[in-house]
Every structure is written in structure tokens, then in C-alpha cells.
Amino acid sequence: MFHLRIVSSKLLILGGTLLFTAAFFIPQANAGQVSPPPLVLSPNLAEPWVLQLQPRATRRAAPPVQRRQVMQPQVRRANWWSPRQQPVRQQPQRQASAPTSRQTAPEFLPTIVDYDGKHKPGTIVIDTNTRHLYLVQNDGTARRYGVGVGKPGFEWAGTHKITRKAEWPDWRPPAEMRKRRPELPTFMAGGPQNPLGARALYLGSTLYRIHGSNQPWTIGHAVSSGCIRMRNEDVMDLYERVGVGTKVIVI
């Protein structure tokens, strides 16, 4: 037993001596040499290689790239002969405009003018060229009104007398007129919608009349089938100033 203990002690002393010697000589053997830095791989570079080393079944699929679709504006050519293209812009809807006010031109409104003609006072003279009606007065003046006259092909001239007067007259379109315009009625009672207007002065045995109109904007124009049109307020004024038998001269 004593011998074994001596041997064990010797072995422990020998082992400690070897460890001390190794620790002493290894640093001296590497003296003068610089140890290289540790090898470190970037995660971004190492990941593809690591993925290649992994089995195919265990590879993680990269998420699909979502592409956002950008709507391009529809284009059209500025002109069919021009290569330049412009975006199509939706035109705003236009609102319905209010009806345009139709008024009689100032030169066709009633007025008093000097008159030095040959016709006697109380005579009606209608100048179809200037679209004026004159009522000759006693003091060397005349009352002048604007009128509408016959359209081309329906002009006429002559001398007649007023043979009849009527307030808000009925209208019976002549057969010749209804032949040209079949949509016209054979009879229309007097009233604001009647084309003869508020008053009518019938000329001799003809179909022509001096009458009012529900279209005052036509005064000063050649639009009728031969009758002489006046504004309703003007024909009412003339109606009160003349009587049956008044001479009417159309030039």
C-alpha cells in the first residue's frame, strides 16, 4: 500500500510538470507570429450557401413579389393627322341654359317722326323696305311703328281700305296656306296663342290683315305670308286711332 501511494504521488508530480512545461513553451513557440482574425461570414452572403446545402424539400420558398398595377390614362390623338397624344379629359356636362330673351330692336319701337309727304292725315302708309308703318297726323308728324312683312315670294303692294276691325280675332288659315303647311288647323279661336294676336284690321276683300303677333321678336323681319305684323301693344294703340274706311297704302 505504501508503495502504491508513492507511485501515485510521483505520477501526479510528473503530470503537473508536463502541463507546466507545455504551457511555458507553446507561447514561446508562437512568439513573433500574429494570430489571424476569426473567420466571420456575413449573414447575407452565408444564407444562399446554407440554403444550397439544405435538402430541397426543406428550402423556404421566397414570398411572391406583389406588383401594383398602375392605371395609365387613356390617350387620344389631338388631331387625326398629329402624332402628339393628349390625355382624354371628361367634359363636364353642361347645364341647360335659360331661354334667351327675345326683344324688338329699338328702331322698331313706336315713335313720333316728322312727315312732309303727300298723303292726308289719317292715312296709313306701310313701307315694306324699311319695315315701318306710318299713321299720318294733322301737325306735320306721323306715328311710326315697326312691322313684320311678307317673306320672299309673298311681297305685295297696293292701296286698300280697312273694311273690318276685330279684337282677339279667330284665325281660319286659307286653303293655300294649309296646302303649304298641312299641320295647320282649319280654325283657331282668338287668344294669346293665336297668331293674329290682340287685334286685326282687315284690308278690303283680300286675305291680308294688319294684326298683332305672339312672336314680337319677328317685328322688323320678312317672315309672314303677306300680312303686316305688329306688336300686340302697338296694334292695340293703332286700333283705337283708326276706323273702318281708313286708307292703307302699301309700298
C-alpha atoms as a PDB file:
ATOM      1  CA  MET A   1       0.000   0.000   0.000  1.00  0.00           C
ATOM      2  CA  PHE A   2       2.780   2.357   0.900  1.00  0.00           C
ATOM      3  CA  HIS A   3       4.466   1.577  -2.386  1.00  0.00           C
ATOM      4  CA  LEU A   4       1.310   2.341  -4.381  1.00  0.00           C
ATOM      5  CA  ARG A   5       0.850   5.697  -2.697  1.00  0.00           C
ATOM      6  CA  ILE A   6       4.438   6.660  -3.550  1.00  0.00           C
ATOM      7  CA  VAL A   7       3.846   5.724  -7.195  1.00  0.00           C
ATOM      8  CA  SER A   8       0.621   7.748  -7.372  1.00  0.00           C
ATOM      9  CA  SER A   9       2.295  10.780  -5.895  1.00  0.00           C
ATOM     10  CA  LYS A  10       5.084  10.551  -8.434  1.00  0.00           C
ATOM     11  CA  LEU A  11       2.600  10.324 -11.272  1.00  0.00           C
ATOM     12  CA  LEU A  12       0.754  13.443 -10.077  1.00  0.00           C
ATOM     13  CA  ILE A  13       4.021  15.368  -9.783  1.00  0.00           C
ATOM     14  CA  LEU A  14       5.061  14.218 -13.280  1.00  0.00           C
ATOM     15  CA  GLY A  15       1.716  15.213 -14.824  1.00  0.00           C
ATOM     16  CA  GLY A  16       1.825  18.649 -13.300  1.00  0.00           C
ATOM     17  CA  THR A  17       5.338  19.172 -14.550  1.00  0.00           C
ATOM     18  CA  LEU A  18       4.348  18.267 -18.131  1.00  0.00           C
ATOM     19  CA  LEU A  19       1.383  20.650 -18.106  1.00  0.00           C
ATOM     20  CA  PHE A  20       3.566  23.471 -16.799  1.00  0.00           C
ATOM     21  CA  THR A  21       6.213  22.783 -19.424  1.00  0.00           C
ATOM     22  CA  ALA A  22       3.643  22.740 -22.264  1.00  0.00           C
ATOM     23  CA  ALA A  23       2.084  25.969 -21.088  1.00  0.00           C
ATOM     24  CA  PHE A  24       5.521  27.575 -20.913  1.00  0.00           C
ATOM     25  CA  PHE A  25       6.835  26.509 -24.304  1.00  0.00           C
ATOM     26  CA  ILE A  26       3.731  26.946 -26.509  1.00  0.00           C
ATOM     27  CA  PRO A  27       3.520  30.719 -26.133  1.00  0.00           C
ATOM     28  CA  GLN A  28       7.250  30.993 -26.723  1.00  0.00           C
ATOM     29  CA  ALA A  29       6.995  28.816 -29.827  1.00  0.00           C
ATOM     30  CA  ASN A  30       4.279  31.207 -31.261  1.00  0.00           C
ATOM     31  CA  ALA A  31       6.139  34.308 -30.191  1.00  0.00           C
ATOM     32  CA  GLY A  32       6.699  36.671 -33.140  1.00  0.00           C
ATOM     33  CA  GLN A  33       3.622  35.379 -35.058  1.00  0.00           C
ATOM     34  CA  VAL A  34       0.277  37.303 -35.244  1.00  0.00           C
ATOM     35  CA  SER A  35      -2.818  35.165 -34.903  1.00  0.00           C
ATOM     36  CA  PRO A  36      -5.266  35.631 -37.824  1.00  0.00           C
ATOM     37  CA  PRO A  37      -8.662  37.140 -37.030  1.00  0.00           C
ATOM     38  CA  PRO A  38     -11.561  34.757 -36.657  1.00  0.00           C
ATOM     39  CA  LEU A  39     -13.429  33.893 -39.866  1.00  0.00           C
ATOM     40  CA  VAL A  40     -16.868  35.568 -39.842  1.00  0.00           C
ATOM     41  CA  LEU A  41     -19.299  35.282 -42.759  1.00  0.00           C
ATOM     42  CA  SER A  42     -21.886  37.940 -43.432  1.00  0.00           C
ATOM     43  CA  PRO A  43     -25.390  36.607 -42.893  1.00  0.00           C
ATOM     44  CA  ASN A  44     -26.437  37.959 -46.287  1.00  0.00           C
ATOM     45  CA  LEU A  45     -23.647  36.058 -48.024  1.00  0.00           C
ATOM     46  CA  ALA A  46     -23.822  32.926 -45.974  1.00  0.00           C
ATOM     47  CA  GLU A  47     -27.577  32.410 -46.317  1.00  0.00           C
ATOM     48  CA  PRO A  48     -27.599  31.375 -50.025  1.00  0.00           C
ATOM     49  CA  TRP A  49     -24.836  28.835 -49.424  1.00  0.00           C
ATOM     50  CA  VAL A  50     -26.561  27.484 -46.384  1.00  0.00           C
ATOM     51  CA  LEU A  51     -29.768  27.159 -48.353  1.00  0.00           C
ATOM     52  CA  GLN A  52     -27.954  25.215 -51.084  1.00  0.00           C
ATOM     53  CA  LEU A  53     -26.560  22.796 -48.517  1.00  0.00           C
ATOM     54  CA  GLN A  54     -30.026  22.118 -47.148  1.00  0.00           C
ATOM     55  CA  PRO A  55     -32.192  19.438 -48.739  1.00  0.00           C
ATOM     56  CA  ARG A  56     -34.531  20.670 -51.491  1.00  0.00           C
ATOM     57  CA  ALA A  57     -37.585  19.666 -49.529  1.00  0.00           C
ATOM     58  CA  THR A  58     -36.654  21.846 -46.593  1.00  0.00           C
ATOM     59  CA  ARG A  59     -35.875  25.042 -48.548  1.00  0.00           C
ATOM     60  CA  ARG A  60     -38.060  28.001 -47.651  1.00  0.00           C
ATOM     61  CA  ALA A  61     -39.807  29.474 -50.659  1.00  0.00           C
ATOM     62  CA  ALA A  62     -39.331  33.207 -51.052  1.00  0.00           C
ATOM     63  CA  PRO A  63     -42.589  35.180 -50.762  1.00  0.00           C
ATOM     64  CA  PRO A  64     -44.016  36.242 -54.155  1.00  0.00           C
ATOM     65  CA  VAL A  65     -43.384  39.816 -55.156  1.00  0.00           C
ATOM     66  CA  GLN A  66     -46.633  41.731 -55.409  1.00  0.00           C
ATOM     67  CA  ARG A  67     -46.657  44.119 -58.307  1.00  0.00           C
ATOM     68  CA  ARG A  68     -49.021  47.052 -58.098  1.00  0.00           C
ATOM     69  CA  GLN A  69     -50.809  47.754 -61.323  1.00  0.00           C
ATOM     70  CA  VAL A  70     -50.767  51.429 -62.221  1.00  0.00           C
ATOM     71  CA  MET A  71     -53.713  52.613 -64.328  1.00  0.00           C
ATOM     72  CA  GLN A  72     -52.445  54.605 -67.261  1.00  0.00           C
ATOM     73  CA  PRO A  73     -54.684  57.415 -68.536  1.00  0.00           C
ATOM     74  CA  GLN A  74     -56.391  56.730 -71.804  1.00  0.00           C
ATOM     75  CA  VAL A  75     -54.916  58.844 -74.574  1.00  0.00           C
ATOM     76  CA  ARG A  76     -56.127  60.015 -77.921  1.00  0.00           C
ATOM     77  CA  ARG A  77     -54.572  61.957 -80.732  1.00  0.00           C
ATOM     78  CA  ALA A  78     -55.041  65.690 -80.665  1.00  0.00           C
ATOM     79  CA  ASN A  79     -55.833  65.530 -84.388  1.00  0.00           C
ATOM     80  CA  TRP A  80     -56.058  62.563 -86.679  1.00  0.00           C
ATOM     81  CA  TRP A  81     -53.027  63.894 -88.573  1.00  0.00           C
ATOM     82  CA  SER A  82     -50.963  64.701 -85.469  1.00  0.00           C
ATOM     83  CA  PRO A  83     -48.783  62.088 -83.673  1.00  0.00           C
ATOM     84  CA  ARG A  84     -48.977  64.027 -80.423  1.00  0.00           C
ATOM     85  CA  GLN A  85     -51.213  62.388 -77.847  1.00  0.00           C
ATOM     86  CA  GLN A  86     -53.116  64.024 -75.083  1.00  0.00           C
ATOM     87  CA  PRO A  87     -54.974  62.587 -72.087  1.00  0.00           C
ATOM     88  CA  VAL A  88     -58.695  62.261 -72.556  1.00  0.00           C
ATOM     89  CA  ARG A  89     -60.448  64.595 -70.161  1.00  0.00           C
ATOM     90  CA  GLN A  90     -64.077  64.038 -69.374  1.00  0.00           C
ATOM     91  CA  GLN A  91     -66.009  67.116 -70.352  1.00  0.00           C
ATOM     92  CA  PRO A  92     -68.324  68.440 -67.650  1.00  0.00           C
ATOM     93  CA  GLN A  93     -71.966  68.187 -68.510  1.00  0.00           C
ATOM     94  CA  ARG A  94     -73.339  71.385 -69.441  1.00  0.00           C
ATOM     95  CA  GLN A  95     -76.368  72.691 -67.668  1.00  0.00           C
ATOM     96  CA  ALA A  96     -79.360  73.689 -69.691  1.00  0.00           C
ATOM     97  CA  SER A  97     -79.253  77.408 -70.291  1.00  0.00           C
ATOM     98  CA  ALA A  98     -82.212  79.668 -69.640  1.00  0.00           C
ATOM     99  CA  PRO A  99     -84.235  80.764 -72.725  1.00  0.00           C
ATOM    100  CA  THR A 100     -82.742  83.796 -74.407  1.00  0.00           C
ATOM    101  CA  SER A 101     -84.864  86.912 -74.034  1.00  0.00           C
ATOM    102  CA  ARG A 102     -86.138  87.988 -77.446  1.00  0.00           C
ATOM    103  CA  GLN A 103     -86.746  91.678 -77.774  1.00  0.00           C
ATOM    104  CA  THR A 104     -87.720  94.012 -80.573  1.00  0.00           C
ATOM    105  CA  ALA A 105     -84.902  96.164 -81.921  1.00  0.00           C
ATOM    106  CA  PRO A 106     -85.123  99.820 -80.736  1.00  0.00           C
ATOM    107  CA  GLU A 107     -85.613 101.175 -84.259  1.00  0.00           C
ATOM    108  CA  PHE A 108     -88.898  99.287 -84.481  1.00  0.00           C
ATOM    109  CA  LEU A 109     -90.430 100.681 -81.315  1.00  0.00           C
ATOM    110  CA  PRO A 110     -93.184 103.337 -81.726  1.00  0.00           C
ATOM    111  CA  THR A 111     -92.122 106.948 -82.016  1.00  0.00           C
ATOM    112  CA  ILE A 112     -93.178 110.323 -83.493  1.00  0.00           C
ATOM    113  CA  VAL A 113     -91.399 111.496 -86.660  1.00  0.00           C
ATOM    114  CA  ASP A 114     -91.707 114.480 -88.997  1.00  0.00           C
ATOM    115  CA  TYR A 115     -93.812 113.894 -92.078  1.00  0.00           C
ATOM    116  CA  ASP A 116     -93.920 116.082 -95.190  1.00  0.00           C
ATOM    117  CA  GLY A 117     -95.404 113.570 -97.653  1.00  0.00           C
ATOM    118  CA  LYS A 118     -98.403 113.955 -99.905  1.00  0.00           C
ATOM    119  CA  HIS A 119    -100.821 111.721 -98.038  1.00  0.00           C
ATOM    120  CA  LYS A 120    -103.611 113.219 -95.966  1.00  0.00           C
ATOM    121  CA  PRO A 121    -103.834 112.967 -92.185  1.00  0.00           C
ATOM    122  CA  GLY A 122    -105.444 109.709 -91.047  1.00  0.00           C
ATOM    123  CA  THR A 123    -103.792 107.699 -93.839  1.00  0.00           C
ATOM    124  CA  ILE A 124    -101.764 104.604 -93.055  1.00  0.00           C
ATOM    125  CA  VAL A 125     -98.591 104.228 -95.102  1.00  0.00           C
ATOM    126  CA  ILE A 126     -96.600 100.991 -94.865  1.00  0.00           C
ATOM    127  CA  ASP A 127     -93.011 100.959 -96.147  1.00  0.00           C
ATOM    128  CA  THR A 128     -92.119  97.280 -96.587  1.00  0.00           C
ATOM    129  CA  ASN A 129     -88.476  98.092 -97.349  1.00  0.00           C
ATOM    130  CA  THR A 130     -87.774  99.812 -94.036  1.00  0.00           C
ATOM    131  CA  ARG A 131     -90.394  97.669 -92.171  1.00  0.00           C
ATOM    132  CA  HIS A 132     -92.241 100.711 -90.779  1.00  0.00           C
ATOM    133  CA  LEU A 133     -95.922 101.699 -90.614  1.00  0.00           C
ATOM    134  CA  TYR A 134     -96.779 105.424 -90.511  1.00  0.00           C
ATOM    135  CA  LEU A 135    -100.062 106.946 -89.334  1.00  0.00           C
ATOM    136  CA  VAL A 136    -100.125 110.460 -90.771  1.00  0.00           C
ATOM    137  CA  GLN A 137    -101.258 113.146 -88.261  1.00  0.00           C
ATOM    138  CA  ASN A 138    -102.553 116.706 -88.614  1.00  0.00           C
ATOM    139  CA  ASP A 139     -99.487 118.541 -87.282  1.00  0.00           C
ATOM    140  CA  GLY A 140     -96.973 117.524 -89.925  1.00  0.00           C
ATOM    141  CA  THR A 141     -95.904 114.465 -87.994  1.00  0.00           C
ATOM    142  CA  ALA A 142     -96.611 110.757 -88.161  1.00  0.00           C
ATOM    143  CA  ARG A 143     -96.727 107.983 -85.626  1.00  0.00           C
ATOM    144  CA  ARG A 144     -94.238 105.345 -86.694  1.00  0.00           C
ATOM    145  CA  TYR A 145     -94.426 101.678 -85.712  1.00  0.00           C
ATOM    146  CA  GLY A 146     -92.233  98.719 -86.549  1.00  0.00           C
ATOM    147  CA  VAL A 147     -93.824  95.905 -88.564  1.00  0.00           C
ATOM    148  CA  GLY A 148     -93.078  92.454 -89.928  1.00  0.00           C
ATOM    149  CA  VAL A 149     -93.754  91.954 -93.634  1.00  0.00           C
ATOM    150  CA  GLY A 150     -94.156  89.176 -96.204  1.00  0.00           C
ATOM    151  CA  LYS A 151     -91.223  86.838 -96.699  1.00  0.00           C
ATOM    152  CA  PRO A 152     -89.655  86.487-100.175  1.00  0.00           C
ATOM    153  CA  GLY A 153     -92.292  85.377-102.650  1.00  0.00           C
ATOM    154  CA  PHE A 154     -95.125  86.855-100.573  1.00  0.00           C
ATOM    155  CA  GLU A 155     -94.410  90.556-101.011  1.00  0.00           C
ATOM    156  CA  TRP A 156     -97.165  92.795-102.335  1.00  0.00           C
ATOM    157  CA  ALA A 157     -98.021  96.476-102.741  1.00  0.00           C
ATOM    158  CA  GLY A 158    -101.236  98.397-103.345  1.00  0.00           C
ATOM    159  CA  THR A 159    -103.915 100.634-101.873  1.00  0.00           C
ATOM    160  CA  HIS A 160    -106.839  99.347 -99.816  1.00  0.00           C
ATOM    161  CA  LYS A 161    -109.225 100.411 -97.068  1.00  0.00           C
ATOM    162  CA  ILE A 162    -109.911  98.924 -93.681  1.00  0.00           C
ATOM    163  CA  THR A 163    -113.140  97.010 -94.079  1.00  0.00           C
ATOM    164  CA  ARG A 164    -113.325  95.322 -90.701  1.00  0.00           C
ATOM    165  CA  LYS A 165    -111.870  95.504 -87.197  1.00  0.00           C
ATOM    166  CA  ALA A 166    -111.732  92.693 -84.652  1.00  0.00           C
ATOM    167  CA  GLU A 167    -110.467  92.233 -81.099  1.00  0.00           C
ATOM    168  CA  TRP A 168    -108.699  88.936 -80.349  1.00  0.00           C
ATOM    169  CA  PRO A 169    -109.795  87.611 -83.738  1.00  0.00           C
ATOM    170  CA  ASP A 170    -110.291  83.968 -84.616  1.00  0.00           C
ATOM    171  CA  TRP A 171    -107.971  82.505 -87.231  1.00  0.00           C
ATOM    172  CA  ARG A 172    -109.004  80.450 -90.229  1.00  0.00           C
ATOM    173  CA  PRO A 173    -105.891  79.679 -92.279  1.00  0.00           C
ATOM    174  CA  PRO A 174    -106.603  79.979 -96.032  1.00  0.00           C
ATOM    175  CA  ALA A 175    -106.662  76.802 -98.088  1.00  0.00           C
ATOM    176  CA  GLU A 176    -103.480  77.896 -99.895  1.00  0.00           C
ATOM    177  CA  MET A 177    -101.646  78.190 -96.564  1.00  0.00           C
ATOM    178  CA  ARG A 178    -102.886  74.834 -95.301  1.00  0.00           C
ATOM    179  CA  LYS A 179    -101.746  73.265 -98.570  1.00  0.00           C
ATOM    180  CA  ARG A 180     -98.232  74.522 -97.903  1.00  0.00           C
ATOM    181  CA  ARG A 181     -98.437  73.609 -94.220  1.00  0.00           C
ATOM    182  CA  PRO A 182    -100.756  70.639 -93.676  1.00  0.00           C
ATOM    183  CA  GLU A 183    -100.148  70.686 -89.909  1.00  0.00           C
ATOM    184  CA  LEU A 184    -102.103  73.938 -89.510  1.00  0.00           C
ATOM    185  CA  PRO A 185    -105.621  73.719 -88.052  1.00  0.00           C
ATOM    186  CA  THR A 186    -108.670  74.756 -90.017  1.00  0.00           C
ATOM    187  CA  PHE A 187    -109.758  77.012 -87.159  1.00  0.00           C
ATOM    188  CA  MET A 188    -108.194  78.550 -84.044  1.00  0.00           C
ATOM    189  CA  ALA A 189    -110.148  80.636 -81.542  1.00  0.00           C
ATOM    190  CA  GLY A 190    -108.818  84.061 -80.610  1.00  0.00           C
ATOM    191  CA  GLY A 191    -106.467  84.370 -77.645  1.00  0.00           C
ATOM    192  CA  PRO A 192    -102.851  84.888 -76.593  1.00  0.00           C
ATOM    193  CA  GLN A 193    -101.697  81.805 -78.553  1.00  0.00           C
ATOM    194  CA  ASN A 194    -103.463  82.883 -81.733  1.00  0.00           C
ATOM    195  CA  PRO A 195    -101.045  84.067 -84.476  1.00  0.00           C
ATOM    196  CA  LEU A 196    -103.311  87.068 -85.217  1.00  0.00           C
ATOM    197  CA  GLY A 197    -102.624  88.484 -81.759  1.00  0.00           C
ATOM    198  CA  ALA A 198    -104.751  91.007 -79.886  1.00  0.00           C
ATOM    199  CA  ARG A 199    -106.253  92.991 -82.810  1.00  0.00           C
ATOM    200  CA  ALA A 200    -106.791  92.696 -86.566  1.00  0.00           C
ATOM    201  CA  LEU A 201    -107.535  95.291 -89.262  1.00  0.00           C
ATOM    202  CA  TYR A 202    -108.821  93.573 -92.431  1.00  0.00           C
ATOM    203  CA  LEU A 203    -107.814  95.096 -95.787  1.00  0.00           C
ATOM    204  CA  GLY A 204    -110.560  95.231 -98.440  1.00  0.00           C
ATOM    205  CA  SER A 205    -111.536  91.889 -99.923  1.00  0.00           C
ATOM    206  CA  THR A 206    -108.012  90.491 -99.669  1.00  0.00           C
ATOM    207  CA  LEU A 207    -106.770  87.855 -97.262  1.00  0.00           C
ATOM    208  CA  TYR A 208    -104.254  90.332 -95.857  1.00  0.00           C
ATOM    209  CA  ARG A 209    -104.554  91.984 -92.456  1.00  0.00           C
ATOM    210  CA  ILE A 210    -102.693  94.320 -90.159  1.00  0.00           C
ATOM    211  CA  HIS A 211    -102.646  92.291 -86.965  1.00  0.00           C
ATOM    212  CA  GLY A 212    -100.837  91.626 -83.733  1.00  0.00           C
ATOM    213  CA  SER A 213     -98.419  88.795 -83.095  1.00  0.00           C
ATOM    214  CA  ASN A 214     -97.466  86.397 -80.315  1.00  0.00           C
ATOM    215  CA  GLN A 215     -93.922  86.468 -81.730  1.00  0.00           C
ATOM    216  CA  PRO A 216     -92.805  90.063 -81.170  1.00  0.00           C
ATOM    217  CA  TRP A 217     -89.172  89.217 -81.988  1.00  0.00           C
ATOM    218  CA  THR A 218     -90.197  88.797 -85.637  1.00  0.00           C
ATOM    219  CA  ILE A 219     -91.011  92.513 -85.925  1.00  0.00           C
ATOM    220  CA  GLY A 220     -88.608  94.130 -88.378  1.00  0.00           C
ATOM    221  CA  HIS A 221     -88.219  90.935 -90.419  1.00  0.00           C
ATOM    222  CA  ALA A 222     -89.770  89.441 -93.545  1.00  0.00           C
ATOM    223  CA  VAL A 223     -91.441  86.335 -92.113  1.00  0.00           C
ATOM    224  CA  SER A 224     -95.170  86.400 -92.832  1.00  0.00           C
ATOM    225  CA  SER A 225     -97.310  85.098 -95.703  1.00  0.00           C
ATOM    226  CA  GLY A 226     -98.131  88.666 -96.722  1.00  0.00           C
ATOM    227  CA  CYS A 227     -99.885  90.064 -93.640  1.00  0.00           C
ATOM    228  CA  ILE A 228     -98.476  93.064 -91.774  1.00  0.00           C
ATOM    229  CA  ARG A 229     -97.474  92.097 -88.230  1.00  0.00           C
ATOM    230  CA  MET A 230     -97.209  94.431 -85.256  1.00  0.00           C
ATOM    231  CA  ARG A 231     -96.515  94.030 -81.581  1.00  0.00           C
ATOM    232  CA  ASN A 232     -99.743  93.452 -79.653  1.00  0.00           C
ATOM    233  CA  GLU A 233     -99.402  96.697 -77.708  1.00  0.00           C
ATOM    234  CA  ASP A 234     -98.737  98.633 -80.926  1.00  0.00           C
ATOM    235  CA  VAL A 235    -101.657  97.206 -82.882  1.00  0.00           C
ATOM    236  CA  MET A 236    -103.937  97.923 -79.910  1.00  0.00           C
ATOM    237  CA  ASP A 237    -102.792 101.549 -79.967  1.00  0.00           C
ATOM    238  CA  LEU A 238    -103.326 101.814 -83.751  1.00  0.00           C
ATOM    239  CA  TYR A 239    -106.700 100.068 -83.440  1.00  0.00           C
ATOM    240  CA  GLU A 240    -108.013 102.887 -81.228  1.00  0.00           C
ATOM    241  CA  ARG A 241    -106.786 105.633 -83.596  1.00  0.00           C
ATOM    242  CA  VAL A 242    -108.282 104.433 -86.906  1.00  0.00           C
ATOM    243  CA  GLY A 243    -111.685 103.261 -88.045  1.00  0.00           C
ATOM    244  CA  VAL A 244    -113.315 101.302 -90.812  1.00  0.00           C
ATOM    245  CA  GLY A 245    -112.768 103.091 -94.137  1.00  0.00           C
ATOM    246  CA  THR A 246    -109.199 104.258 -93.308  1.00  0.00           C
ATOM    247  CA  LYS A 247    -106.995 104.329 -96.366  1.00  0.00           C
ATOM    248  CA  VAL A 248    -103.974 101.974 -96.298  1.00  0.00           C
ATOM    249  CA  ILE A 249    -101.133 102.365 -98.788  1.00  0.00           C
ATOM    250  CA  VAL A 250     -98.516  99.581 -99.005  1.00  0.00           C
ATOM    251  CA  ILE A 251     -95.304 100.475-100.861  1.00  0.00           C
END
